[in-house]
Amino acid sequence: MLALPFEVRDIKRNKIYYNEWHKTWQGDIVPVIVFDNGKQVVDGFDIRAIKRALREVDNLPAAQ
């Protein structure tokens, strides 16, 4: 199993996090999942896009 470090940032409760999310990622959809310091960004919970981003970040072959 792949372990990924992550940080939860509650944009509803923290104005600084909200401003960063909106300014940096042009946030309109939550969640915004940022991989590899912004090399891959997925808006919303799109499982295919998340898997694709993980493959690209880890340079893994496509699943069969």
N, C-alpha and C. Protein backbone atom coordinates (compact mmCIF):
# COMPACT_ATOMS: atom_id res chain seq x y z
N MET A 1 0.83 -1.17 0.00
CA MET A 1 0.00 0.00 0.00
C MET A 1 0.88 1.25 0.00
N LEU A 2 0.48 2.23 -0.74
CA LEU A 2 1.22 3.47 -0.87
C LEU A 2 0.78 4.44 0.24
N ALA A 3 1.73 4.93 1.01
CA ALA A 3 1.44 5.91 2.06
C ALA A 3 1.79 7.30 1.56
N LEU A 4 0.85 8.20 1.63
CA LEU A 4 1.06 9.56 1.16
C LEU A 4 0.96 10.53 2.33
N PRO A 5 1.96 11.39 2.48
CA PRO A 5 1.81 12.44 3.49
C PRO A 5 0.76 13.44 3.01
N PHE A 6 -0.01 13.98 3.93
CA PHE A 6 -1.02 14.95 3.54
C PHE A 6 -1.27 15.95 4.66
N GLU A 7 -1.89 17.03 4.29
CA GLU A 7 -2.24 18.07 5.25
C GLU A 7 -3.68 18.48 4.97
N VAL A 8 -4.49 18.49 6.01
CA VAL A 8 -5.88 18.93 5.88
C VAL A 8 -5.93 20.42 6.16
N ARG A 9 -6.55 21.16 5.25
CA ARG A 9 -6.70 22.60 5.43
C ARG A 9 -8.18 22.94 5.29
N ASP A 10 -8.80 23.27 6.40
CA ASP A 10 -10.23 23.56 6.43
C ASP A 10 -10.46 25.01 6.00
N ILE A 11 -10.87 25.19 4.76
CA ILE A 11 -11.05 26.54 4.22
C ILE A 11 -12.30 27.23 4.75
N LYS A 12 -13.19 26.48 5.37
CA LYS A 12 -14.37 27.08 5.97
C LYS A 12 -14.03 27.74 7.31
N ARG A 13 -13.06 27.20 7.99
CA ARG A 13 -12.73 27.68 9.34
C ARG A 13 -11.50 28.58 9.39
N ASN A 14 -10.69 28.57 8.34
CA ASN A 14 -9.44 29.32 8.38
C ASN A 14 -9.36 30.24 7.16
N LYS A 15 -9.46 31.52 7.39
CA LYS A 15 -9.47 32.51 6.30
C LYS A 15 -8.15 32.50 5.51
N ILE A 16 -7.04 32.27 6.20
CA ILE A 16 -5.75 32.20 5.50
C ILE A 16 -5.74 31.05 4.51
N TYR A 17 -6.21 29.88 4.94
CA TYR A 17 -6.27 28.72 4.04
C TYR A 17 -7.23 29.00 2.87
N TYR A 18 -8.35 29.64 3.18
CA TYR A 18 -9.31 29.97 2.11
C TYR A 18 -8.65 30.88 1.07
N ASN A 19 -8.00 31.93 1.53
CA ASN A 19 -7.36 32.87 0.60
C ASN A 19 -6.28 32.20 -0.23
N GLU A 20 -5.47 31.33 0.40
CA GLU A 20 -4.43 30.60 -0.34
C GLU A 20 -5.06 29.69 -1.39
N TRP A 21 -6.09 28.96 -1.00
CA TRP A 21 -6.78 28.04 -1.91
C TRP A 21 -7.34 28.80 -3.11
N HIS A 22 -7.99 29.91 -2.82
CA HIS A 22 -8.63 30.66 -3.89
C HIS A 22 -7.61 31.34 -4.80
N LYS A 23 -6.56 31.91 -4.22
CA LYS A 23 -5.55 32.62 -5.01
C LYS A 23 -4.63 31.66 -5.77
N THR A 24 -4.11 30.67 -5.08
CA THR A 24 -3.13 29.77 -5.68
C THR A 24 -3.74 28.79 -6.67
N TRP A 25 -4.87 28.20 -6.29
CA TRP A 25 -5.46 27.14 -7.11
C TRP A 25 -6.73 27.57 -7.82
N GLN A 26 -7.05 28.87 -7.77
CA GLN A 26 -8.27 29.39 -8.37
C GLN A 26 -9.46 28.52 -7.93
N GLY A 27 -9.46 28.20 -6.64
CA GLY A 27 -10.42 27.26 -6.09
C GLY A 27 -11.86 27.65 -6.26
N ASP A 28 -12.62 26.77 -6.86
CA ASP A 28 -14.06 26.88 -6.96
C ASP A 28 -14.73 25.59 -6.52
N ILE A 29 -13.95 24.52 -6.46
CA ILE A 29 -14.46 23.20 -6.14
C ILE A 29 -13.62 22.64 -4.99
N VAL A 30 -14.27 21.98 -4.06
CA VAL A 30 -13.54 21.25 -3.03
C VAL A 30 -13.91 19.78 -3.13
N PRO A 31 -13.01 18.88 -2.91
CA PRO A 31 -11.63 19.18 -2.54
C PRO A 31 -10.78 19.56 -3.75
N VAL A 32 -9.70 20.26 -3.47
CA VAL A 32 -8.62 20.47 -4.44
C VAL A 32 -7.48 19.64 -3.91
N ILE A 33 -7.07 18.64 -4.66
CA ILE A 33 -6.01 17.73 -4.23
C ILE A 33 -4.75 18.10 -5.00
N VAL A 34 -3.72 18.46 -4.26
CA VAL A 34 -2.46 18.92 -4.85
C VAL A 34 -1.41 17.85 -4.64
N PHE A 35 -0.81 17.39 -5.73
CA PHE A 35 0.23 16.37 -5.68
C PHE A 35 1.56 16.98 -6.06
N ASP A 36 2.61 16.52 -5.42
CA ASP A 36 3.98 16.87 -5.79
C ASP A 36 4.19 18.38 -5.91
N ASN A 37 3.79 19.09 -4.85
CA ASN A 37 3.96 20.55 -4.78
C ASN A 37 3.36 21.29 -5.97
N GLY A 38 2.24 20.81 -6.45
CA GLY A 38 1.52 21.52 -7.51
C GLY A 38 1.77 21.02 -8.91
N LYS A 39 2.58 19.99 -9.07
CA LYS A 39 2.80 19.46 -10.43
C LYS A 39 1.54 18.81 -10.98
N GLN A 40 0.72 18.27 -10.09
CA GLN A 40 -0.56 17.68 -10.46
C GLN A 40 -1.62 18.23 -9.51
N VAL A 41 -2.71 18.72 -10.04
CA VAL A 41 -3.81 19.25 -9.23
C VAL A 41 -5.10 18.64 -9.75
N VAL A 42 -5.91 18.12 -8.81
CA VAL A 42 -7.20 17.53 -9.16
C VAL A 42 -8.29 18.31 -8.45
N ASP A 43 -9.23 18.85 -9.21
CA ASP A 43 -10.39 19.54 -8.63
C ASP A 43 -11.51 18.53 -8.42
N GLY A 44 -12.05 18.52 -7.21
CA GLY A 44 -13.15 17.62 -6.92
C GLY A 44 -12.66 16.21 -6.66
N PHE A 45 -13.60 15.33 -6.35
CA PHE A 45 -13.25 13.94 -6.05
C PHE A 45 -13.48 13.09 -7.29
N ASP A 46 -12.54 13.19 -8.22
CA ASP A 46 -12.58 12.44 -9.47
C ASP A 46 -11.58 11.30 -9.34
N ILE A 47 -12.06 10.12 -9.02
CA ILE A 47 -11.18 8.99 -8.71
C ILE A 47 -10.25 8.66 -9.88
N ARG A 48 -10.73 8.76 -11.11
CA ARG A 48 -9.87 8.49 -12.27
C ARG A 48 -8.74 9.50 -12.36
N ALA A 49 -9.07 10.77 -12.16
CA ALA A 49 -8.05 11.81 -12.22
C ALA A 49 -7.04 11.67 -11.08
N ILE A 50 -7.53 11.26 -9.91
CA ILE A 50 -6.63 11.04 -8.77
C ILE A 50 -5.67 9.89 -9.08
N LYS A 51 -6.18 8.79 -9.59
CA LYS A 51 -5.32 7.66 -9.95
C LYS A 51 -4.31 8.04 -11.02
N ARG A 52 -4.77 8.81 -12.01
CA ARG A 52 -3.88 9.25 -13.09
C ARG A 52 -2.77 10.15 -12.52
N ALA A 53 -3.13 11.06 -11.63
CA ALA A 53 -2.13 11.95 -11.02
C ALA A 53 -1.13 11.16 -10.20
N LEU A 54 -1.60 10.16 -9.45
CA LEU A 54 -0.69 9.32 -8.66
C LEU A 54 0.28 8.57 -9.56
N ARG A 55 -0.23 8.04 -10.68
CA ARG A 55 0.66 7.34 -11.62
C ARG A 55 1.71 8.29 -12.18
N GLU A 56 1.30 9.48 -12.55
CA GLU A 56 2.25 10.44 -13.13
C GLU A 56 3.28 10.91 -12.10
N VAL A 57 2.84 11.15 -10.89
CA VAL A 57 3.75 11.59 -9.84
C VAL A 57 4.75 10.49 -9.50
N ASP A 58 4.26 9.27 -9.43
CA ASP A 58 5.12 8.14 -9.06
C ASP A 58 5.72 7.46 -10.28
N ASN A 59 5.35 7.93 -11.48
CA ASN A 59 5.85 7.35 -12.72
C ASN A 59 5.55 5.86 -12.77
N LEU A 60 4.32 5.51 -12.38
CA LEU A 60 3.90 4.11 -12.38
C LEU A 60 3.21 3.78 -13.70
N PRO A 61 3.25 2.52 -14.12
CA PRO A 61 2.55 2.13 -15.34
C PRO A 61 1.04 2.18 -15.12
N ALA A 62 0.29 2.35 -16.20
CA ALA A 62 -1.18 2.38 -16.11
C ALA A 62 -1.69 1.05 -15.61
N ALA A 63 -2.76 1.09 -14.83
CA ALA A 63 -3.39 -0.14 -14.30
C ALA A 63 -4.05 -0.90 -15.43
N GLN A 64 -4.05 -2.18 -15.32
CA GLN A 64 -4.68 -3.04 -16.33
C GLN A 64 -6.15 -3.19 -16.09
